[in-house]
Amino acid sequence: VLFRWCRDLLAILFLFGACGTIKASDLLKYASPIIQHFNKKDYHGGNQNWSITQDETGFIYAGNSNGLLQFDGLRWKRFSHPAGTIIRSVFADGERIYTGSLGDFGYWEKDENYNLHFTSLARLLTDHQFGDEEIWWIIKYGDNIYFQSFGTTFSYDGEEVKIVLSH
C-alpha cells in the first residue's frame, strides 16, 4: 500500500512538473492519506485499544479492553475472550489471529460465517503458574510464534508450547 502511494505521488509530481509549477500546499492536499476516526460506539468496544494487526486478506484486528475487534473495511465485530479478559496483544499470521491476555494466550480462527473462535495455547502448559502475568507482545521468528510477558517468553511451534525464558 505504501509503495503504491509513493508511486502515485511520484506520478503526480512528474505530471505537475511537466505541466508547470505548483505550490507545495496544493500538492499536500492531494498527497495526504485519508484518516477516519472511529469512536467506541462505532466499534462496540472499550475505551482502550492495546495492539493492532492486519491479516493477509486486509482485515484489521485490535486488542481491546472488551475483547478482539475485527474490521473488514465496512463493519466492526467484537469477539469476547472466553474468560472475558482484556486482549493486550494481537498478531496475524496466515489464517490465525494470535492474542495474549491476562493468564492466557492462543489463537482465533474463522468459521464458515467468518466468526472467530478462540483456542487457548496456555492450557498446553502444565507446569507454569500465570498469576497476574499478561502477554504484551507476540512475534513470529522462523516457524515459531513467540508470546512475551514481563517475566516469561513462550514459544509455539504449531504443536507444543515451551518456556524459552523465565525470570
N, C-alpha and C. Protein backbone atom coordinates (compact mmCIF):
# COMPACT_ATOMS: atom_id res chain seq x y z
N VAL A 1 0.84 -1.19 0.00
CA VAL A 1 0.00 0.00 0.00
C VAL A 1 0.88 1.25 0.00
N LEU A 2 1.92 1.28 0.85
CA LEU A 2 2.81 2.43 0.91
C LEU A 2 3.53 2.61 -0.41
N PHE A 3 3.96 1.49 -1.02
CA PHE A 3 4.66 1.57 -2.29
C PHE A 3 3.77 2.20 -3.36
N ARG A 4 2.49 1.75 -3.42
CA ARG A 4 1.56 2.31 -4.41
C ARG A 4 1.34 3.80 -4.16
N TRP A 5 1.24 4.17 -2.89
CA TRP A 5 1.01 5.57 -2.54
C TRP A 5 2.19 6.42 -3.00
N CYS A 6 3.43 5.95 -2.74
CA CYS A 6 4.63 6.68 -3.16
C CYS A 6 4.71 6.74 -4.68
N ARG A 7 4.41 5.63 -5.35
CA ARG A 7 4.44 5.59 -6.81
C ARG A 7 3.45 6.60 -7.38
N ASP A 8 2.25 6.65 -6.83
CA ASP A 8 1.24 7.59 -7.30
C ASP A 8 1.66 9.04 -7.05
N LEU A 9 2.28 9.27 -5.91
CA LEU A 9 2.76 10.62 -5.60
C LEU A 9 3.84 11.05 -6.59
N LEU A 10 4.76 10.14 -6.92
CA LEU A 10 5.80 10.46 -7.90
C LEU A 10 5.20 10.74 -9.27
N ALA A 11 4.17 9.99 -9.65
CA ALA A 11 3.50 10.22 -10.94
C ALA A 11 2.85 11.60 -10.96
N ILE A 12 2.23 11.99 -9.85
CA ILE A 12 1.61 13.31 -9.76
C ILE A 12 2.67 14.40 -9.85
N LEU A 13 3.78 14.21 -9.13
CA LEU A 13 4.87 15.19 -9.19
C LEU A 13 5.40 15.34 -10.62
N PHE A 14 5.55 14.22 -11.31
CA PHE A 14 6.04 14.25 -12.68
C PHE A 14 5.07 15.02 -13.57
N LEU A 15 3.77 14.73 -13.43
CA LEU A 15 2.77 15.42 -14.25
C LEU A 15 2.75 16.91 -13.98
N PHE A 16 2.82 17.29 -12.70
CA PHE A 16 2.82 18.71 -12.38
C PHE A 16 4.10 19.37 -12.88
N GLY A 17 5.21 18.67 -12.80
CA GLY A 17 6.48 19.20 -13.32
C GLY A 17 6.42 19.41 -14.82
N ALA A 18 5.76 18.50 -15.52
CA ALA A 18 5.65 18.61 -16.97
C ALA A 18 4.68 19.72 -17.37
N CYS A 19 3.71 20.00 -16.52
CA CYS A 19 2.67 20.99 -16.85
C CYS A 19 2.98 22.37 -16.29
N GLY A 20 3.98 22.53 -15.49
CA GLY A 20 4.27 23.82 -14.89
C GLY A 20 4.57 23.66 -13.42
N THR A 21 4.51 24.75 -12.69
CA THR A 21 4.83 24.70 -11.27
C THR A 21 3.54 24.66 -10.45
N ILE A 22 3.69 24.16 -9.24
CA ILE A 22 2.57 24.09 -8.31
C ILE A 22 3.09 24.37 -6.91
N LYS A 23 2.27 25.01 -6.09
CA LYS A 23 2.67 25.29 -4.72
C LYS A 23 2.67 24.00 -3.90
N ALA A 24 3.58 23.89 -2.94
CA ALA A 24 3.68 22.70 -2.09
C ALA A 24 2.38 22.49 -1.31
N SER A 25 1.73 23.55 -0.87
CA SER A 25 0.49 23.40 -0.12
C SER A 25 -0.62 22.78 -0.97
N ASP A 26 -0.63 23.08 -2.26
CA ASP A 26 -1.62 22.46 -3.16
C ASP A 26 -1.34 20.97 -3.32
N LEU A 27 -0.08 20.62 -3.40
CA LEU A 27 0.31 19.23 -3.57
C LEU A 27 -0.05 18.40 -2.34
N LEU A 28 0.11 18.97 -1.15
CA LEU A 28 -0.16 18.23 0.08
C LEU A 28 -1.61 17.82 0.21
N LYS A 29 -2.53 18.63 -0.30
CA LYS A 29 -3.93 18.23 -0.18
C LYS A 29 -4.22 17.00 -1.03
N TYR A 30 -3.42 16.72 -2.05
CA TYR A 30 -3.59 15.51 -2.85
C TYR A 30 -2.79 14.34 -2.30
N ALA A 31 -1.72 14.62 -1.58
CA ALA A 31 -0.82 13.57 -1.10
C ALA A 31 -1.16 13.07 0.30
N SER A 32 -2.01 13.78 1.04
CA SER A 32 -2.34 13.38 2.41
C SER A 32 -3.21 12.14 2.42
N PRO A 33 -2.87 11.15 3.25
CA PRO A 33 -3.72 9.96 3.33
C PRO A 33 -5.04 10.30 4.01
N ILE A 34 -6.07 9.54 3.68
CA ILE A 34 -7.38 9.75 4.29
C ILE A 34 -7.37 9.12 5.67
N ILE A 35 -7.75 9.89 6.66
CA ILE A 35 -7.80 9.41 8.03
C ILE A 35 -9.25 9.43 8.49
N GLN A 36 -9.70 8.31 9.02
CA GLN A 36 -11.07 8.23 9.51
C GLN A 36 -11.02 7.91 11.00
N HIS A 37 -11.78 8.64 11.77
CA HIS A 37 -11.84 8.45 13.22
C HIS A 37 -13.02 7.55 13.56
N PHE A 38 -12.77 6.57 14.42
CA PHE A 38 -13.84 5.71 14.94
C PHE A 38 -13.89 5.88 16.45
N ASN A 39 -15.07 6.01 16.98
CA ASN A 39 -15.19 6.05 18.44
C ASN A 39 -15.73 4.71 18.92
N LYS A 40 -15.80 4.54 20.22
CA LYS A 40 -16.19 3.23 20.76
C LYS A 40 -17.63 2.84 20.42
N LYS A 41 -18.47 3.80 20.09
CA LYS A 41 -19.82 3.47 19.63
C LYS A 41 -19.78 2.82 18.25
N ASP A 42 -18.81 3.21 17.44
CA ASP A 42 -18.66 2.62 16.11
C ASP A 42 -18.21 1.17 16.19
N TYR A 43 -17.23 0.90 17.07
CA TYR A 43 -16.67 -0.45 17.09
C TYR A 43 -17.16 -1.30 18.26
N HIS A 44 -18.05 -0.79 19.08
CA HIS A 44 -18.69 -1.56 20.16
C HIS A 44 -17.68 -2.18 21.11
N GLY A 45 -16.63 -1.45 21.40
CA GLY A 45 -15.60 -1.94 22.30
C GLY A 45 -15.38 -1.01 23.46
N GLY A 46 -14.31 -1.28 24.20
CA GLY A 46 -13.95 -0.45 25.34
C GLY A 46 -13.16 0.77 24.92
N ASN A 47 -12.79 1.58 25.91
CA ASN A 47 -12.06 2.83 25.66
C ASN A 47 -10.65 2.62 25.13
N GLN A 48 -10.01 1.51 25.46
CA GLN A 48 -8.59 1.35 25.13
C GLN A 48 -8.36 0.23 24.12
N ASN A 49 -7.58 0.57 23.09
CA ASN A 49 -7.08 -0.40 22.13
C ASN A 49 -5.60 -0.57 22.41
N TRP A 50 -5.16 -1.81 22.61
CA TRP A 50 -3.82 -2.08 23.09
C TRP A 50 -2.85 -2.48 21.99
N SER A 51 -3.34 -3.09 20.95
CA SER A 51 -2.48 -3.61 19.90
C SER A 51 -3.29 -3.71 18.62
N ILE A 52 -2.61 -3.67 17.47
CA ILE A 52 -3.33 -3.73 16.19
C ILE A 52 -2.51 -4.53 15.20
N THR A 53 -3.21 -5.23 14.30
CA THR A 53 -2.56 -6.01 13.24
C THR A 53 -3.49 -6.09 12.05
N GLN A 54 -2.96 -6.53 10.92
CA GLN A 54 -3.75 -6.72 9.71
C GLN A 54 -3.43 -8.08 9.13
N ASP A 55 -4.46 -8.83 8.73
CA ASP A 55 -4.22 -10.16 8.17
C ASP A 55 -4.00 -10.08 6.65
N GLU A 56 -3.75 -11.23 6.05
CA GLU A 56 -3.41 -11.28 4.63
C GLU A 56 -4.59 -10.90 3.72
N THR A 57 -5.81 -10.92 4.23
CA THR A 57 -6.97 -10.53 3.43
C THR A 57 -7.33 -9.06 3.60
N GLY A 58 -6.62 -8.36 4.48
CA GLY A 58 -6.86 -6.94 4.69
C GLY A 58 -7.70 -6.60 5.90
N PHE A 59 -8.24 -7.62 6.59
CA PHE A 59 -8.99 -7.35 7.81
C PHE A 59 -8.05 -6.76 8.86
N ILE A 60 -8.56 -5.83 9.65
CA ILE A 60 -7.79 -5.23 10.73
C ILE A 60 -8.33 -5.78 12.05
N TYR A 61 -7.42 -6.10 12.97
CA TYR A 61 -7.77 -6.62 14.28
C TYR A 61 -7.12 -5.75 15.34
N ALA A 62 -7.88 -5.47 16.39
CA ALA A 62 -7.36 -4.67 17.50
C ALA A 62 -7.63 -5.40 18.81
N GLY A 63 -6.60 -5.46 19.64
CA GLY A 63 -6.76 -5.95 21.00
C GLY A 63 -7.37 -4.83 21.82
N ASN A 64 -8.51 -5.07 22.41
CA ASN A 64 -9.30 -4.04 23.06
C ASN A 64 -9.63 -4.45 24.49
N SER A 65 -9.97 -3.50 25.30
CA SER A 65 -10.34 -3.77 26.69
C SER A 65 -11.57 -4.68 26.80
N ASN A 66 -12.39 -4.72 25.75
CA ASN A 66 -13.58 -5.57 25.77
C ASN A 66 -13.47 -6.79 24.86
N GLY A 67 -12.30 -7.10 24.35
CA GLY A 67 -12.13 -8.29 23.51
C GLY A 67 -11.34 -8.01 22.27
N LEU A 68 -11.55 -8.83 21.26
CA LEU A 68 -10.87 -8.71 19.98
C LEU A 68 -11.81 -8.02 19.00
N LEU A 69 -11.34 -6.93 18.39
CA LEU A 69 -12.14 -6.20 17.40
C LEU A 69 -11.67 -6.58 16.01
N GLN A 70 -12.63 -6.75 15.11
CA GLN A 70 -12.34 -7.09 13.72
C GLN A 70 -13.00 -6.04 12.83
N PHE A 71 -12.23 -5.49 11.87
CA PHE A 71 -12.77 -4.50 10.94
C PHE A 71 -12.49 -4.97 9.52
N ASP A 72 -13.56 -5.11 8.73
CA ASP A 72 -13.42 -5.59 7.36
C ASP A 72 -13.37 -4.46 6.33
N GLY A 73 -13.28 -3.23 6.79
CA GLY A 73 -13.27 -2.07 5.91
C GLY A 73 -14.63 -1.39 5.86
N LEU A 74 -15.64 -2.09 6.35
CA LEU A 74 -17.00 -1.57 6.36
C LEU A 74 -17.65 -1.65 7.74
N ARG A 75 -17.49 -2.83 8.37
CA ARG A 75 -18.15 -3.11 9.65
C ARG A 75 -17.15 -3.56 10.71
N TRP A 76 -17.51 -3.27 11.94
CA TRP A 76 -16.76 -3.75 13.10
C TRP A 76 -17.50 -4.91 13.74
N LYS A 77 -16.75 -5.92 14.20
CA LYS A 77 -17.30 -7.00 15.02
C LYS A 77 -16.43 -7.12 16.25
N ARG A 78 -17.05 -7.48 17.36
CA ARG A 78 -16.29 -7.70 18.59
C ARG A 78 -16.46 -9.15 19.02
N PHE A 79 -15.34 -9.76 19.39
CA PHE A 79 -15.34 -11.13 19.88
C PHE A 79 -14.75 -11.13 21.28
N SER A 80 -15.49 -11.68 22.22
CA SER A 80 -15.04 -11.70 23.62
C SER A 80 -14.17 -12.92 23.88
N HIS A 81 -13.13 -12.70 24.67
CA HIS A 81 -12.30 -13.81 25.14
C HIS A 81 -13.18 -14.69 26.04
N PRO A 82 -13.03 -16.01 26.00
CA PRO A 82 -13.88 -16.88 26.83
C PRO A 82 -13.88 -16.52 28.32
N ALA A 83 -12.76 -16.01 28.82
CA ALA A 83 -12.70 -15.62 30.23
C ALA A 83 -13.08 -14.15 30.43
N GLY A 84 -13.38 -13.45 29.35
CA GLY A 84 -13.76 -12.05 29.45
C GLY A 84 -12.60 -11.11 29.70
N THR A 85 -11.37 -11.55 29.47
CA THR A 85 -10.20 -10.73 29.77
C THR A 85 -9.92 -9.72 28.66
N ILE A 86 -9.12 -8.73 29.02
CA ILE A 86 -8.65 -7.70 28.08
C ILE A 86 -7.66 -8.35 27.12
N ILE A 87 -7.79 -8.06 25.84
CA ILE A 87 -6.82 -8.54 24.85
C ILE A 87 -5.72 -7.49 24.77
N ARG A 88 -4.53 -7.83 25.25
CA ARG A 88 -3.41 -6.88 25.29
C ARG A 88 -2.57 -6.89 24.02
N SER A 89 -2.44 -8.05 23.37
CA SER A 89 -1.58 -8.14 22.19
C SER A 89 -2.28 -8.96 21.12
N VAL A 90 -1.99 -8.61 19.87
CA VAL A 90 -2.62 -9.29 18.73
C VAL A 90 -1.62 -9.34 17.58
N PHE A 91 -1.61 -10.49 16.88
CA PHE A 91 -0.68 -10.69 15.78
C PHE A 91 -1.31 -11.63 14.76
N ALA A 92 -1.38 -11.20 13.50
CA ALA A 92 -1.96 -12.03 12.43
C ALA A 92 -0.86 -12.80 11.73
N ASP A 93 -1.11 -14.10 11.51
CA ASP A 93 -0.19 -14.93 10.75
C ASP A 93 -1.02 -15.96 9.99
N GLY A 94 -1.04 -15.84 8.67
CA GLY A 94 -1.86 -16.74 7.86
C GLY A 94 -3.33 -16.57 8.20
N GLU A 95 -3.99 -17.69 8.48
CA GLU A 95 -5.42 -17.63 8.79
C GLU A 95 -5.70 -17.53 10.28
N ARG A 96 -4.65 -17.41 11.07
CA ARG A 96 -4.82 -17.32 12.52
C ARG A 96 -4.52 -15.92 13.03
N ILE A 97 -5.28 -15.54 14.05
CA ILE A 97 -5.05 -14.29 14.77
C ILE A 97 -4.64 -14.69 16.18
N TYR A 98 -3.39 -14.45 16.53
CA TYR A 98 -2.87 -14.79 17.85
C TYR A 98 -3.13 -13.63 18.80
N THR A 99 -3.55 -13.95 20.02
CA THR A 99 -3.78 -12.90 21.01
C THR A 99 -3.19 -13.32 22.36
N GLY A 100 -2.91 -12.30 23.17
CA GLY A 100 -2.44 -12.52 24.53
C GLY A 100 -3.26 -11.68 25.49
N SER A 101 -3.46 -12.22 26.68
CA SER A 101 -4.26 -11.52 27.69
C SER A 101 -3.76 -11.92 29.07
N LEU A 102 -4.51 -11.62 30.08
CA LEU A 102 -4.15 -11.97 31.45
C LEU A 102 -4.26 -13.49 31.62
N GLY A 103 -3.13 -14.15 31.85
CA GLY A 103 -3.12 -15.58 32.13
C GLY A 103 -3.48 -16.48 30.97
N ASP A 104 -3.50 -15.95 29.76
CA ASP A 104 -3.86 -16.79 28.63
C ASP A 104 -3.29 -16.22 27.33
N PHE A 105 -3.04 -17.11 26.41
CA PHE A 105 -2.67 -16.74 25.04
C PHE A 105 -3.09 -17.87 24.12
N GLY A 106 -3.31 -17.53 22.87
CA GLY A 106 -3.75 -18.54 21.91
C GLY A 106 -4.05 -17.91 20.57
N TYR A 107 -4.95 -18.56 19.83
CA TYR A 107 -5.27 -18.05 18.50
C TYR A 107 -6.76 -18.17 18.22
N TRP A 108 -7.18 -17.33 17.29
CA TRP A 108 -8.56 -17.28 16.81
C TRP A 108 -8.55 -17.73 15.36
N GLU A 109 -9.59 -18.49 14.99
CA GLU A 109 -9.76 -18.91 13.60
C GLU A 109 -11.20 -18.63 13.17
N LYS A 110 -11.37 -18.33 11.87
CA LYS A 110 -12.70 -18.04 11.32
C LYS A 110 -13.42 -19.33 10.99
N ASP A 111 -14.73 -19.33 11.23
CA ASP A 111 -15.56 -20.44 10.76
C ASP A 111 -16.13 -20.06 9.39
N GLU A 112 -17.06 -20.86 8.87
CA GLU A 112 -17.62 -20.62 7.54
C GLU A 112 -18.40 -19.32 7.44
N ASN A 113 -18.84 -18.76 8.58
CA ASN A 113 -19.56 -17.48 8.61
C ASN A 113 -18.66 -16.31 9.00
N TYR A 114 -17.35 -16.53 9.02
CA TYR A 114 -16.34 -15.53 9.37
C TYR A 114 -16.40 -15.09 10.83
N ASN A 115 -17.05 -15.90 11.67
CA ASN A 115 -17.00 -15.65 13.10
C ASN A 115 -15.71 -16.27 13.63
N LEU A 116 -15.14 -15.62 14.62
CA LEU A 116 -13.87 -16.09 15.18
C LEU A 116 -14.10 -16.94 16.42
N HIS A 117 -13.27 -17.98 16.57
CA HIS A 117 -13.33 -18.87 17.73
C HIS A 117 -11.93 -19.01 18.30
N PHE A 118 -11.84 -18.97 19.63
CA PHE A 118 -10.55 -18.95 20.33
C PHE A 118 -10.11 -20.34 20.76
N THR A 119 -8.82 -20.61 20.58
CA THR A 119 -8.18 -21.82 21.09
C THR A 119 -7.05 -21.38 22.01
N SER A 120 -7.10 -21.79 23.26
CA SER A 120 -6.07 -21.44 24.22
C SER A 120 -4.84 -22.33 24.03
N LEU A 121 -3.68 -21.70 24.00
CA LEU A 121 -2.42 -22.43 23.98
C LEU A 121 -1.83 -22.54 25.38
N ALA A 122 -2.23 -21.64 26.26
CA ALA A 122 -1.72 -21.66 27.63
C ALA A 122 -2.11 -22.94 28.34
N ARG A 123 -3.23 -23.52 27.95
CA ARG A 123 -3.68 -24.77 28.58
C ARG A 123 -2.73 -25.93 28.31
N LEU A 124 -1.86 -25.77 27.28
CA LEU A 124 -0.88 -26.81 26.98
C LEU A 124 0.27 -26.84 27.99
N LEU A 125 0.38 -25.78 28.79
CA LEU A 125 1.42 -25.70 29.81
C LEU A 125 0.90 -26.32 31.10
N THR A 126 1.58 -27.34 31.58
CA THR A 126 1.13 -28.00 32.81
C THR A 126 1.93 -27.56 34.04
N ASP A 127 3.10 -26.97 33.81
CA ASP A 127 3.97 -26.64 34.94
C ASP A 127 4.23 -25.14 35.09
N HIS A 128 3.32 -24.31 34.62
CA HIS A 128 3.52 -22.86 34.73
C HIS A 128 2.31 -22.22 35.41
N GLN A 129 2.57 -21.40 36.41
CA GLN A 129 1.53 -20.64 37.09
C GLN A 129 1.58 -19.20 36.58
N PHE A 130 0.51 -18.74 35.98
CA PHE A 130 0.50 -17.40 35.40
C PHE A 130 0.36 -16.29 36.44
N GLY A 131 -0.41 -16.51 37.47
CA GLY A 131 -0.64 -15.44 38.44
C GLY A 131 -1.24 -14.23 37.75
N ASP A 132 -0.57 -13.07 37.88
CA ASP A 132 -1.06 -11.85 37.23
C ASP A 132 -0.28 -11.52 35.95
N GLU A 133 0.29 -12.54 35.35
CA GLU A 133 1.09 -12.37 34.13
C GLU A 133 0.20 -12.10 32.92
N GLU A 134 0.56 -11.08 32.14
CA GLU A 134 -0.16 -10.73 30.93
C GLU A 134 0.78 -10.81 29.74
N ILE A 135 0.27 -11.26 28.61
CA ILE A 135 1.06 -11.35 27.38
C ILE A 135 0.93 -10.01 26.65
N TRP A 136 2.08 -9.32 26.54
CA TRP A 136 2.11 -7.98 25.98
C TRP A 136 2.65 -7.92 24.55
N TRP A 137 3.31 -8.97 24.08
CA TRP A 137 3.98 -8.90 22.79
C TRP A 137 3.93 -10.26 22.11
N ILE A 138 3.66 -10.28 20.81
CA ILE A 138 3.64 -11.51 20.03
C ILE A 138 4.39 -11.25 18.72
N ILE A 139 5.32 -12.14 18.40
CA ILE A 139 6.05 -12.02 17.13
C ILE A 139 6.23 -13.41 16.52
N LYS A 140 6.57 -13.41 15.26
CA LYS A 140 6.94 -14.66 14.59
C LYS A 140 8.42 -14.57 14.23
N TYR A 141 9.14 -15.64 14.52
CA TYR A 141 10.55 -15.74 14.15
C TYR A 141 10.76 -17.15 13.63
N GLY A 142 11.16 -17.26 12.37
CA GLY A 142 11.26 -18.58 11.76
C GLY A 142 9.87 -19.18 11.66
N ASP A 143 9.74 -20.41 12.13
CA ASP A 143 8.44 -21.10 12.09
C ASP A 143 7.68 -21.00 13.40
N ASN A 144 8.25 -20.33 14.39
CA ASN A 144 7.65 -20.26 15.72
C ASN A 144 6.98 -18.92 15.98
N ILE A 145 5.95 -18.99 16.80
CA ILE A 145 5.28 -17.78 17.31
C ILE A 145 5.73 -17.63 18.77
N TYR A 146 6.16 -16.42 19.13
CA TYR A 146 6.64 -16.14 20.49
C TYR A 146 5.67 -15.20 21.19
N PHE A 147 5.35 -15.55 22.41
CA PHE A 147 4.46 -14.76 23.27
C PHE A 147 5.29 -14.29 24.46
N GLN A 148 5.24 -13.00 24.77
CA GLN A 148 6.08 -12.47 25.82
C GLN A 148 5.28 -11.68 26.85
N SER A 149 5.53 -12.03 28.11
CA SER A 149 5.01 -11.23 29.22
C SER A 149 6.21 -10.47 29.78
N PHE A 150 6.05 -9.79 30.90
CA PHE A 150 7.19 -9.10 31.51
C PHE A 150 8.19 -10.09 32.10
N GLY A 151 7.73 -11.31 32.43
CA GLY A 151 8.63 -12.25 33.08
C GLY A 151 8.93 -13.52 32.32
N THR A 152 8.17 -13.83 31.28
CA THR A 152 8.32 -15.11 30.60
C THR A 152 8.13 -14.96 29.10
N THR A 153 8.89 -15.74 28.34
CA THR A 153 8.71 -15.83 26.90
C THR A 153 8.36 -17.27 26.55
N PHE A 154 7.28 -17.44 25.79
CA PHE A 154 6.80 -18.75 25.37
C PHE A 154 6.99 -18.90 23.87
N SER A 155 7.26 -20.12 23.44
CA SER A 155 7.42 -20.43 22.03
C SER A 155 6.38 -21.47 21.62
N TYR A 156 5.75 -21.25 20.48
CA TYR A 156 4.77 -22.19 19.95
C TYR A 156 5.20 -22.57 18.54
N ASP A 157 5.40 -23.87 18.32
CA ASP A 157 5.88 -24.37 17.02
C ASP A 157 4.77 -24.94 16.14
N GLY A 158 3.55 -24.75 16.53
CA GLY A 158 2.42 -25.29 15.79
C GLY A 158 1.82 -26.51 16.46
N GLU A 159 2.58 -27.11 17.41
CA GLU A 159 2.09 -28.29 18.12
C GLU A 159 2.24 -28.18 19.63
N GLU A 160 3.38 -27.65 20.06
CA GLU A 160 3.58 -27.56 21.51
C GLU A 160 4.11 -26.19 21.91
N VAL A 161 3.86 -25.86 23.18
CA VAL A 161 4.30 -24.61 23.77
C VAL A 161 5.45 -24.91 24.74
N LYS A 162 6.52 -24.13 24.63
CA LYS A 162 7.66 -24.28 25.53
C LYS A 162 7.98 -22.92 26.15
N ILE A 163 8.50 -22.98 27.36
CA ILE A 163 9.01 -21.77 28.01
C ILE A 163 10.43 -21.58 27.55
N VAL A 164 10.70 -20.44 26.91
CA VAL A 164 12.03 -20.16 26.38
C VAL A 164 12.86 -19.41 27.40
N LEU A 165 12.23 -18.49 28.09
CA LEU A 165 12.92 -17.64 29.06
C LEU A 165 11.97 -17.32 30.19
N SER A 166 12.45 -17.45 31.43
CA SER A 166 11.62 -17.12 32.57
C SER A 166 12.47 -16.46 33.64
N HIS A 167 11.94 -15.40 34.21
CA HIS A 167 12.68 -14.66 35.26
C HIS A 167 12.20 -15.07 36.63
